[in-house]
Amino acid sequence: MSTNNVIRVMLVSDHKTWLWGLEQLLAGAQPAMQVVASATEIDGALLLARTLCPDVIVLDADLGCGGACAIDYLPQLLGNGVSRVLLFSGTQDQAECGRAVRSGVRAVVGKETPVKQMVDAIARLHQGELCLAPALLDSMLGGLNKPEAAPDPEEQRIARLTLKERKIVAMMVEGNGALNRAIAQRAFISEQTLRNHLTSIYSKLDVTNRLELYVYATRNRLAESMPAEG
């Protein structure tokens, strides 16, 4: 944790030139900042985060993690209960940045950000502020406030049918309302079993007879969405 009002910073990136340059820039920053560690791979970063508990971790979003994404490791980086993470992103992809914020990131800056703004973001983050680009913040708030689409009642009814019931409905449609005996033979079941299935189908689809079932199934293309056999 900070001592003497010095903000303890850890840098995480596999671009060594970038690491060196940023460390030099932060050395003369105001408010005072001290780079307590640098890491070029995720395992080392996780160990340093646990042992050093820096105030701010500047994480390169493009860090190579053996096929994984640096954002996937945010819960572990933040696991010490002290550190805050500033994500340094070359693309600032809104979907990825949004996922990072949901994982605990409270500041996102681009790699083209001027040094003064970078230092300011670290200082503000250390003070507990949220440092996000307006477009990203608007995008996230828009997603949070967007109401979920109301479920389609027809889809809900159809989803209640079992696979066997869907096949029986498809057989009826394809047979243009064939008699129970023909459908039962095709389905390899008795007529009584077929009647039991039809009773269940009527109830689930809220229809009362074979004609209504035929019209309903044709309108909702149940024979197309579920092959009669297979």
Protein backbone atom coordinates (compact mmCIF):
# COMPACT_ATOMS: atom_id res chain seq x y z
CA MET A 1 0.00 0.00 0.00
CA SER A 2 1.03 3.65 -0.42
CA THR A 3 3.47 5.18 2.02
CA ASN A 4 4.36 8.87 2.23
CA ASN A 5 1.64 9.59 -0.37
CA VAL A 6 3.64 7.84 -3.09
CA ILE A 7 1.45 5.86 -5.48
CA ARG A 8 2.96 2.41 -5.92
CA VAL A 9 2.53 1.24 -9.52
CA MET A 10 3.12 -2.10 -11.21
CA LEU A 11 3.44 -2.32 -15.00
CA VAL A 12 2.45 -5.42 -16.93
CA SER A 13 3.30 -5.72 -20.63
CA ASP A 14 5.39 -7.91 -22.90
CA HIS A 15 6.69 -4.82 -24.73
CA LYS A 16 9.92 -4.15 -22.88
CA THR A 17 10.61 -0.84 -24.59
CA TRP A 18 7.17 0.39 -23.56
CA LEU A 19 7.77 -0.78 -19.99
CA TRP A 20 11.07 1.07 -19.77
CA GLY A 21 9.67 4.24 -21.30
CA LEU A 22 6.63 4.38 -19.05
CA GLU A 23 8.75 3.72 -15.97
CA GLN A 24 10.94 6.72 -16.87
CA LEU A 25 7.90 8.90 -17.40
CA LEU A 26 6.28 7.96 -14.11
CA ALA A 27 9.51 8.54 -12.18
CA GLY A 28 9.07 12.30 -12.50
CA ALA A 29 5.30 12.36 -12.24
CA GLN A 30 3.22 14.47 -9.91
CA PRO A 31 1.66 13.26 -7.72
CA ALA A 32 4.65 11.10 -6.84
CA MET A 33 4.61 7.60 -8.26
CA GLN A 34 6.98 4.68 -7.80
CA VAL A 35 7.14 1.73 -10.17
CA VAL A 36 7.57 -1.11 -7.68
CA ALA A 37 7.62 -3.89 -10.28
CA SER A 38 7.35 -4.71 -13.96
CA ALA A 39 6.19 -8.01 -15.44
CA THR A 40 6.34 -9.30 -18.98
CA GLU A 41 4.16 -12.40 -18.51
CA ILE A 42 0.97 -13.11 -16.62
CA ASP A 43 2.26 -15.67 -14.11
CA GLY A 44 4.89 -13.27 -12.87
CA ALA A 45 2.32 -10.49 -12.71
CA LEU A 46 -0.02 -12.59 -10.58
CA LEU A 47 2.78 -13.45 -8.14
CA LEU A 48 3.91 -9.83 -7.84
CA ALA A 49 0.34 -8.62 -7.38
CA ARG A 50 -0.11 -11.04 -4.47
CA THR A 51 3.19 -10.27 -2.78
CA LEU A 52 3.62 -6.52 -3.41
CA CYS A 53 -0.01 -5.37 -3.40
CA PRO A 54 0.66 -2.29 -5.57
CA ASP A 55 -1.84 0.55 -5.48
CA VAL A 56 -2.30 0.59 -9.25
CA ILE A 57 -1.61 -2.11 -11.84
CA VAL A 58 -1.23 -0.81 -15.40
CA LEU A 59 -2.16 -3.83 -17.54
CA ASP A 60 -1.51 -4.09 -21.26
CA ALA A 61 -4.71 -5.48 -22.77
CA ASP A 62 -2.64 -7.01 -25.58
CA LEU A 63 -0.40 -8.98 -23.21
CA GLY A 64 0.33 -12.42 -24.63
CA CYS A 65 -1.11 -15.06 -22.28
CA GLY A 66 -0.56 -18.29 -24.17
CA GLY A 67 -3.78 -18.09 -26.16
CA ALA A 68 -5.82 -16.62 -23.30
CA CYS A 69 -6.73 -12.98 -22.81
CA ALA A 70 -5.22 -10.68 -20.19
CA ILE A 71 -8.74 -9.66 -19.17
CA ASP A 72 -9.44 -13.24 -18.06
CA TYR A 73 -6.89 -12.83 -15.26
CA LEU A 74 -8.38 -9.67 -13.76
CA PRO A 75 -10.09 -11.41 -10.81
CA GLN A 76 -6.72 -12.88 -9.77
CA LEU A 77 -4.86 -9.60 -10.20
CA LEU A 78 -7.45 -7.89 -8.03
CA GLY A 79 -7.52 -10.71 -5.49
CA ASN A 80 -5.24 -8.95 -3.00
CA GLY A 81 -8.02 -6.53 -2.14
CA VAL A 82 -5.73 -3.50 -2.52
CA SER A 83 -4.82 -3.02 -6.15
CA ARG A 84 -6.84 -1.17 -8.76
CA VAL A 85 -6.31 -1.93 -12.45
CA LEU A 86 -5.87 0.53 -15.29
CA LEU A 87 -6.25 -1.22 -18.65
CA PHE A 88 -3.92 0.07 -21.36
CA SER A 89 -5.58 -0.82 -24.67
CA GLY A 90 -4.32 -0.41 -28.20
CA THR A 91 -7.73 -0.96 -29.81
CA GLN A 92 -10.16 0.03 -27.06
CA ASP A 93 -12.64 -2.46 -28.42
CA GLN A 94 -15.84 -1.57 -26.58
CA ALA A 95 -16.97 -5.16 -26.10
CA GLU A 96 -13.64 -6.20 -24.60
CA CYS A 97 -13.31 -3.04 -22.52
CA GLY A 98 -16.85 -3.51 -21.27
CA ARG A 99 -15.99 -7.05 -20.22
CA ALA A 100 -12.90 -5.71 -18.44
CA VAL A 101 -14.96 -3.18 -16.49
CA ARG A 102 -17.41 -5.88 -15.46
CA SER A 103 -14.39 -7.87 -14.22
CA GLY A 104 -13.19 -5.03 -12.01
CA VAL A 105 -11.25 -2.56 -14.18
CA ARG A 106 -11.99 1.04 -13.22
CA ALA A 107 -9.85 2.89 -15.76
CA VAL A 108 -9.30 2.32 -19.49
CA VAL A 109 -6.92 4.43 -21.58
CA GLY A 110 -5.62 4.09 -25.11
CA LYS A 111 -1.97 3.61 -25.97
CA GLU A 112 -2.05 6.90 -27.83
CA THR A 113 -3.02 8.72 -24.62
CA PRO A 114 -0.68 11.66 -23.82
CA VAL A 115 1.62 11.15 -20.84
CA LYS A 116 -0.08 13.84 -18.76
CA GLN A 117 -3.47 12.15 -19.20
CA MET A 118 -1.97 8.77 -18.33
CA VAL A 119 -0.50 10.13 -15.10
CA ASP A 120 -3.77 11.88 -14.33
CA ALA A 121 -5.72 8.64 -14.89
CA ILE A 122 -3.45 6.73 -12.50
CA ALA A 123 -3.82 9.44 -9.85
CA ARG A 124 -7.61 9.59 -10.24
CA LEU A 125 -7.90 5.81 -10.17
CA HIS A 126 -5.84 5.75 -6.95
CA GLN A 127 -8.34 8.20 -5.46
CA GLY A 128 -11.17 5.85 -6.32
CA GLU A 129 -12.48 7.60 -9.42
CA LEU A 130 -13.82 5.90 -12.52
CA CYS A 131 -11.74 6.81 -15.59
CA LEU A 132 -13.53 5.65 -18.73
CA ALA A 133 -13.94 7.22 -22.14
CA PRO A 134 -17.42 8.76 -22.56
CA ALA A 135 -18.21 6.50 -25.52
CA LEU A 136 -17.37 3.37 -23.52
CA LEU A 137 -19.36 4.58 -20.52
CA ASP A 138 -22.35 5.43 -22.70
CA SER A 139 -22.14 2.03 -24.38
CA MET A 140 -22.08 0.21 -21.05
CA LEU A 141 -24.89 2.26 -19.54
CA GLY A 142 -26.94 1.76 -22.68
CA GLY A 143 -26.49 -1.99 -22.36
CA LEU A 144 -27.46 -1.92 -18.70
CA ASN A 145 -30.55 0.18 -19.30
CA LYS A 146 -31.76 -1.63 -22.41
CA PRO A 147 -34.81 -3.69 -21.47
CA GLU A 148 -34.72 -7.34 -22.28
CA ALA A 149 -36.92 -8.37 -25.17
CA ALA A 150 -40.18 -9.86 -24.00
CA PRO A 151 -40.25 -13.64 -24.51
CA ASP A 152 -42.30 -14.81 -27.48
CA PRO A 153 -45.33 -16.69 -26.05
CA GLU A 154 -45.52 -18.94 -29.12
CA GLU A 155 -41.87 -19.93 -28.76
CA GLN A 156 -42.44 -20.64 -25.08
CA ARG A 157 -45.36 -22.93 -25.87
CA ILE A 158 -43.50 -24.77 -28.61
CA ALA A 159 -40.44 -25.17 -26.38
CA ARG A 160 -42.56 -27.17 -23.91
CA LEU A 161 -43.11 -29.94 -26.46
CA THR A 162 -40.98 -33.05 -26.15
CA LEU A 163 -39.02 -34.31 -29.14
CA LYS A 164 -41.55 -37.14 -29.60
CA GLU A 165 -44.46 -34.66 -29.52
CA ARG A 166 -42.74 -32.42 -32.06
CA LYS A 167 -42.36 -35.40 -34.38
CA ILE A 168 -46.01 -36.36 -34.01
CA VAL A 169 -47.07 -32.81 -34.87
CA ALA A 170 -44.80 -32.86 -37.92
CA MET A 171 -46.29 -36.17 -39.05
CA MET A 172 -49.78 -34.77 -38.78
CA VAL A 173 -48.90 -31.71 -40.85
CA GLU A 174 -47.09 -33.73 -43.50
CA GLY A 175 -50.00 -36.16 -43.66
CA ASN A 176 -52.50 -33.32 -44.08
CA GLY A 177 -54.32 -34.30 -40.90
CA ALA A 178 -53.91 -38.06 -41.33
CA LEU A 179 -56.00 -40.37 -39.16
CA ASN A 180 -54.70 -41.49 -35.77
CA ARG A 181 -54.14 -45.04 -37.00
CA ALA A 182 -51.84 -43.91 -39.82
CA ILE A 183 -49.87 -41.59 -37.58
CA ALA A 184 -49.57 -44.23 -34.82
CA GLN A 185 -48.27 -46.78 -37.28
CA ARG A 186 -45.73 -44.34 -38.65
CA ALA A 187 -44.61 -43.41 -35.13
CA PHE A 188 -44.46 -47.09 -34.07
CA ILE A 189 -46.83 -46.52 -31.13
CA SER A 190 -50.37 -47.62 -30.26
CA GLU A 191 -53.38 -45.43 -30.99
CA GLN A 192 -53.96 -45.04 -27.24
CA THR A 193 -50.41 -43.81 -26.75
CA LEU A 194 -50.91 -41.42 -29.64
CA ARG A 195 -54.09 -40.08 -28.03
CA ASN A 196 -52.17 -39.51 -24.81
CA HIS A 197 -49.51 -37.58 -26.73
CA LEU A 198 -52.17 -35.50 -28.48
CA THR A 199 -53.82 -34.62 -25.17
CA SER A 200 -50.47 -33.36 -23.90
CA ILE A 201 -49.80 -31.46 -27.13
CA TYR A 202 -53.23 -29.78 -27.03
CA SER A 203 -52.59 -28.62 -23.47
CA LYS A 204 -49.10 -27.28 -24.16
CA LEU A 205 -50.07 -25.43 -27.34
CA ASP A 206 -53.42 -24.22 -25.98
CA VAL A 207 -55.48 -25.77 -28.77
CA THR A 208 -58.59 -27.91 -28.36
CA ASN A 209 -58.72 -30.29 -31.32
CA ARG A 210 -56.90 -31.73 -34.32
CA LEU A 211 -58.03 -28.96 -36.66
CA GLU A 212 -56.74 -26.22 -34.38
CA LEU A 213 -53.52 -28.15 -33.93
CA TYR A 214 -53.10 -28.49 -37.70
CA VAL A 215 -53.68 -24.74 -38.24
CA TYR A 216 -51.35 -23.83 -35.37
CA ALA A 217 -48.57 -26.15 -36.53
CA THR A 218 -48.85 -24.95 -40.13
CA ARG A 219 -48.78 -21.29 -39.10
CA ASN A 220 -45.70 -21.83 -36.92
CA ARG A 221 -43.99 -24.14 -39.43
CA LEU A 222 -43.47 -26.92 -36.93
CA ALA A 223 -43.02 -29.50 -39.65
CA GLU A 224 -40.14 -27.47 -41.10
CA SER A 225 -38.36 -26.85 -37.80
CA MET A 226 -38.57 -30.47 -36.69
CA PRO A 227 -38.19 -33.36 -39.16
CA ALA A 228 -40.80 -36.02 -38.69
CA GLU A 229 -38.19 -38.71 -38.54
CA GLY A 230 -34.50 -38.97 -37.85
